[in-house]
Amino acid sequence: MDDSSRRALRSLPSVSDILSDPKLACSNETLLPSIVVSVVRRRQEEARQAILNGDTSTPEILLSRVIADLDALASGTSDIVVNGTGVVIHTNLGRSPVSKATATAMAEHAARYQALEVDMETGERGGRGEDVERLMRLLTGAERTLVVNNNAAAVLLTLAATCAGREVIVSRGEAVEIGGGFRVPDVLTRSGARLVEVGTTNRTYVSDYEQATSERTGAYLKVHASNFAVVGFTAAATVAALAPLAAERSVLLIEDVGSGCLLQTADFGLQHEPTLAESIAAGAHVVCASGDKLLGGPQAGLILGSEEVVERIARHPLARALRADKSCLAGLAASLRHYVRGEATEHI
């Protein structure tokens, strides 16, 4: 250690000196003393390490960082921003803002008791998310809906419950990676299933799925590429085209549509985005989607489809670990009611 580093270390104020600084008076009044001391010690140790590593740290820098940390703890609010990125549904900015009715429903249910899993007529334990299930049945035609905490969880749970130890056939062009390093092949591996890629990056046919199908096949998985596109010389096997083959070979047909769209995006001058109702009508046994993208609700993962398959997914041990809480379910139901009432375009 050189002389300048020694001088810098000696110049750092003690914990007591920092705590007695008048600029911390407000924090000392609003936060527990033990919390303030903990923040000061952590920042002081960081300053020491910075000096030992040859970086610059002064008493003024140390004090400013302590004050910033304490102010953030006292205010307890994230930065509210204006989305000027040009990306309407921006993952890093919290995705879709919810409607006022949805926000109110979430706040009210968070602050009060509710009949979350109680049958009010019998007093017996009831099903969680029955309100959402009723609304989704009306809007999509799905026999059953299960709500988990996000779409990645929905895909993982679906594959773990239905395809563990079996093969899942995916087009090479759909074995994709989305934001945050979420890769379809990795999710398949974690679920206990084995990935079988067919076709090519730009062209995949029903015959490719048929040739790869064996007694080990558990499902055909379709993944909608919502945030990128392969254009030009392309071909893809649609859910509707795969449905007869899935029925003939007794294989599950699963689609990850991602956005959770319930309206025709073409009506708003946008490129067509598959709706949940279209996927169900096309013959998918299970459809997975997000609640906080085009649907416009709170963060949630939707698993909808046939009664038998979704019930099997709901019984898997992971379902409890990934289930949505009461505020999420209340907010999702409030968002779906906008669609049922025909007011989604005004409020979402």
Foldseek 3Di string as FASTA:
>chain_A
DDPVLVVQLVQADDLVVLCPDPLCVVLPVQDDPVVLSVLLVVLNVVCNVCSVVVHDDHNVNSSVSSSVVSVCVRVVDDDDDDPPPPDQQDVVNQGFAAFPLLVVLLVVPVVDPDLQQADPVPRDGHDGLPLVQVLCCVLAVFPGKAKFQALLLVVLLLCLLFAAQAEEEEEPLQQDADPPRDGNCVSCVVSNYHYDYFDDNFEDELVRVVVPDDPRAAAYEAEAPPPDDDDDPHYDQDLLNNQVVCVVSVHAYEYEQAQQARDACVVVVDDGRDHSNNNQVSHHQWYWYFCRHNLNWHGIIMITHYPVSVVSSCPDPCSVVGHDDPSRSSSSSSSSVCVVVVNNVPGD
